């Protein structure tokens, strides 16, 4: 998770910064767009290498959150919280697997200086 303002050098991953803190030093919030969330479920049967699958799933989860923030005009997600449930049960199919959930507030941050 970066510090300071968003890096405009890359188009995808780094144009929306992710922060676990609700405040980012050296910036002010020009706008808040409200809470956003993303969820991902991996069935146990589809996972051979659990560690690699979790890493890939987390990357996809956070990119999905960035996409939602980007579509609102945000350049940051503040107050990010990611939860992982390795023993989740899908309510529709009763299949077990890994559930990842991310929630935060989409914001437009501006540098103070």
C-alpha atoms as a PDB file:
ATOM      1  CA  UNK A   1       0.000   0.000   0.000  1.00  0.00           C
ATOM      2  CA  UNK A   2       1.555   3.241  -1.081  1.00  0.00           C
ATOM      3  CA  UNK A   3       2.124   6.539   0.640  1.00  0.00           C
ATOM      4  CA  UNK A   4       1.518   9.998  -0.756  1.00  0.00           C
ATOM      5  CA  UNK A   5      -0.591  10.685  -3.801  1.00  0.00           C
ATOM      6  CA  UNK A   6      -1.435   8.327  -6.653  1.00  0.00           C
ATOM      7  CA  UNK A   7       1.260   7.656  -9.244  1.00  0.00           C
ATOM      8  CA  UNK A   8       0.080   8.813 -12.679  1.00  0.00           C
ATOM      9  CA  UNK A   9       2.818   6.940 -14.568  1.00  0.00           C
ATOM     10  CA  UNK A  10       0.919   3.704 -15.062  1.00  0.00           C
ATOM     11  CA  UNK A  11      -2.586   3.328 -16.428  1.00  0.00           C
ATOM     12  CA  UNK A  12      -3.964   0.342 -14.552  1.00  0.00           C
ATOM     13  CA  UNK A  13      -2.898  -0.812 -11.125  1.00  0.00           C
ATOM     14  CA  UNK A  14      -1.265   2.312  -9.703  1.00  0.00           C
ATOM     15  CA  UNK A  15      -3.730   4.997 -10.807  1.00  0.00           C
ATOM     16  CA  UNK A  16      -5.936   4.126  -7.809  1.00  0.00           C
ATOM     17  CA  UNK A  17      -3.910   3.866  -4.615  1.00  0.00           C
ATOM     18  CA  UNK A  18      -5.070   1.681  -1.715  1.00  0.00           C
ATOM     19  CA  UNK A  19      -4.692   2.792   1.914  1.00  0.00           C
ATOM     20  CA  UNK A  20      -5.635   0.953   5.087  1.00  0.00           C
ATOM     21  CA  UNK A  21      -5.748   4.261   6.956  1.00  0.00           C
ATOM     22  CA  UNK A  22      -8.771   6.551   6.583  1.00  0.00           C
ATOM     23  CA  UNK A  23      -6.363   9.531   6.357  1.00  0.00           C
ATOM     24  CA  UNK A  24      -3.363   9.915   4.081  1.00  0.00           C
ATOM     25  CA  UNK A  25      -0.569  12.211   5.259  1.00  0.00           C
ATOM     26  CA  UNK A  26       0.185  15.100   2.908  1.00  0.00           C
ATOM     27  CA  UNK A  27      -3.189  14.938   1.170  1.00  0.00           C
ATOM     28  CA  UNK A  28      -6.707  16.220   1.591  1.00  0.00           C
ATOM     29  CA  UNK A  29      -9.887  14.579   0.389  1.00  0.00           C
ATOM     30  CA  UNK A  30     -11.388  16.701  -2.386  1.00  0.00           C
ATOM     31  CA  UNK A  31     -14.340  14.278  -2.570  1.00  0.00           C
ATOM     32  CA  UNK A  32     -15.644  11.099  -1.038  1.00  0.00           C
ATOM     33  CA  UNK A  33     -17.712   8.760  -3.225  1.00  0.00           C
ATOM     34  CA  UNK A  34     -18.879   6.442  -0.476  1.00  0.00           C
ATOM     35  CA  UNK A  35     -18.145   2.846   0.475  1.00  0.00           C
ATOM     36  CA  UNK A  36     -17.284   0.277  -2.180  1.00  0.00           C
ATOM     37  CA  UNK A  37     -16.676  -3.445  -1.842  1.00  0.00           C
ATOM     38  CA  UNK A  38     -15.640  -6.480  -3.812  1.00  0.00           C
ATOM     39  CA  UNK A  39     -15.941 -10.193  -3.087  1.00  0.00           C
ATOM     40  CA  UNK A  40     -14.392 -13.312  -4.562  1.00  0.00           C
ATOM     41  CA  UNK A  41     -15.017 -17.010  -3.890  1.00  0.00           C
ATOM     42  CA  UNK A  42     -12.670 -19.867  -4.888  1.00  0.00           C
ATOM     43  CA  UNK A  43     -14.019 -23.407  -4.648  1.00  0.00           C
ATOM     44  CA  UNK A  44     -11.704 -25.848  -2.858  1.00  0.00           C
ATOM     45  CA  UNK A  45     -12.021 -28.310  -5.742  1.00  0.00           C
ATOM     46  CA  UNK A  46     -10.602 -25.779  -8.221  1.00  0.00           C
ATOM     47  CA  UNK A  47      -7.447 -25.049  -6.180  1.00  0.00           C
ATOM     48  CA  UNK A  48      -4.298 -27.159  -6.521  1.00  0.00           C
ATOM     49  CA  UNK A  49      -1.698 -24.734  -5.145  1.00  0.00           C
ATOM     50  CA  UNK A  50      -3.444 -22.910  -2.291  1.00  0.00           C
ATOM     51  CA  UNK A  51      -0.744 -20.279  -1.766  1.00  0.00           C
ATOM     52  CA  UNK A  52      -0.583 -19.308  -5.448  1.00  0.00           C
ATOM     53  CA  UNK A  53      -4.387 -19.313  -5.689  1.00  0.00           C
ATOM     54  CA  UNK A  54      -4.725 -16.998  -2.674  1.00  0.00           C
ATOM     55  CA  UNK A  55      -2.152 -14.591  -4.086  1.00  0.00           C
ATOM     56  CA  UNK A  56      -3.889 -14.507  -7.474  1.00  0.00           C
ATOM     57  CA  UNK A  57      -7.317 -14.141  -5.839  1.00  0.00           C
ATOM     58  CA  UNK A  58      -6.143 -11.216  -3.692  1.00  0.00           C
ATOM     59  CA  UNK A  59      -4.689  -9.472  -6.759  1.00  0.00           C
ATOM     60  CA  UNK A  60      -7.988  -9.939  -8.661  1.00  0.00           C
ATOM     61  CA  UNK A  61     -10.015  -8.768  -5.656  1.00  0.00           C
ATOM     62  CA  UNK A  62      -8.015  -5.552  -5.261  1.00  0.00           C
ATOM     63  CA  UNK A  63      -8.056  -4.844  -9.009  1.00  0.00           C
ATOM     64  CA  UNK A  64     -11.850  -5.220  -8.949  1.00  0.00           C
ATOM     65  CA  UNK A  65     -11.993  -2.684  -6.111  1.00  0.00           C
ATOM     66  CA  UNK A  66      -9.724  -0.324  -8.067  1.00  0.00           C
ATOM     67  CA  UNK A  67     -12.022  -0.658 -11.104  1.00  0.00           C
ATOM     68  CA  UNK A  68     -15.044   0.327  -9.002  1.00  0.00           C
ATOM     69  CA  UNK A  69     -13.204   3.326  -7.539  1.00  0.00           C
ATOM     70  CA  UNK A  70     -11.926   4.356 -10.982  1.00  0.00           C
ATOM     71  CA  UNK A  71     -15.450   4.253 -12.442  1.00  0.00           C
ATOM     72  CA  UNK A  72     -16.566   6.732  -9.753  1.00  0.00           C
ATOM     73  CA  UNK A  73     -13.719   9.143 -10.544  1.00  0.00           C
ATOM     74  CA  UNK A  74     -11.693   8.293  -7.437  1.00  0.00           C
ATOM     75  CA  UNK A  75      -7.916   8.068  -7.318  1.00  0.00           C
ATOM     76  CA  UNK A  76      -7.770   6.273  -3.952  1.00  0.00           C
ATOM     77  CA  UNK A  77      -9.520   3.840  -1.649  1.00  0.00           C
ATOM     78  CA  UNK A  78      -9.082   4.770   2.012  1.00  0.00           C
ATOM     79  CA  UNK A  79      -9.892   2.763   5.121  1.00  0.00           C
ATOM     80  CA  UNK A  80      -9.334  -0.477   3.193  1.00  0.00           C
ATOM     81  CA  UNK A  81     -10.122  -3.684   5.033  1.00  0.00           C
ATOM     82  CA  UNK A  82      -9.591  -7.133   3.505  1.00  0.00           C
ATOM     83  CA  UNK A  83     -11.017 -10.239   5.138  1.00  0.00           C
ATOM     84  CA  UNK A  84     -10.273 -13.822   4.253  1.00  0.00           C
ATOM     85  CA  UNK A  85     -12.368 -16.841   5.209  1.00  0.00           C
ATOM     86  CA  UNK A  86     -10.545 -20.072   4.235  1.00  0.00           C
ATOM     87  CA  UNK A  87     -13.498 -22.221   5.350  1.00  0.00           C
ATOM     88  CA  UNK A  88     -16.340 -20.359   3.641  1.00  0.00           C
ATOM     89  CA  UNK A  89     -19.417 -22.111   2.354  1.00  0.00           C
ATOM     90  CA  UNK A  90     -21.118 -20.802  -0.795  1.00  0.00           C
ATOM     91  CA  UNK A  91     -24.787 -20.209   0.147  1.00  0.00           C
ATOM     92  CA  UNK A  92     -26.100 -21.099  -3.333  1.00  0.00           C
ATOM     93  CA  UNK A  93     -24.350 -24.445  -3.801  1.00  0.00           C
ATOM     94  CA  UNK A  94     -23.125 -25.408  -0.311  1.00  0.00           C
ATOM     95  CA  UNK A  95     -19.616 -25.794  -1.796  1.00  0.00           C
ATOM     96  CA  UNK A  96     -16.682 -24.925   0.483  1.00  0.00           C
ATOM     97  CA  UNK A  97     -13.790 -22.700  -0.447  1.00  0.00           C
ATOM     98  CA  UNK A  98     -11.915 -19.475   0.121  1.00  0.00           C
ATOM     99  CA  UNK A  99     -13.878 -16.233   0.417  1.00  0.00           C
ATOM    100  CA  UNK A 100     -12.123 -12.880   0.104  1.00  0.00           C
ATOM    101  CA  UNK A 101     -13.898  -9.605   0.806  1.00  0.00           C
ATOM    102  CA  UNK A 102     -12.562  -6.051   0.520  1.00  0.00           C
ATOM    103  CA  UNK A 103     -14.278  -2.835   1.574  1.00  0.00           C
ATOM    104  CA  UNK A 104     -13.145   0.782   1.696  1.00  0.00           C
ATOM    105  CA  UNK A 105     -14.164   4.325   0.835  1.00  0.00           C
ATOM    106  CA  UNK A 106     -13.571   5.649  -2.683  1.00  0.00           C
ATOM    107  CA  UNK A 107     -12.018   9.119  -2.534  1.00  0.00           C
ATOM    108  CA  UNK A 108     -10.405  11.792  -4.673  1.00  0.00           C
ATOM    109  CA  UNK A 109      -7.208  12.821  -2.876  1.00  0.00           C
ATOM    110  CA  UNK A 110      -5.210  15.965  -3.617  1.00  0.00           C
ATOM    111  CA  UNK A 111      -1.702  16.788  -2.454  1.00  0.00           C
ATOM    112  CA  UNK A 112      -1.447  19.546   0.150  1.00  0.00           C
ATOM    113  CA  UNK A 113       1.886  20.824  -1.138  1.00  0.00           C
END
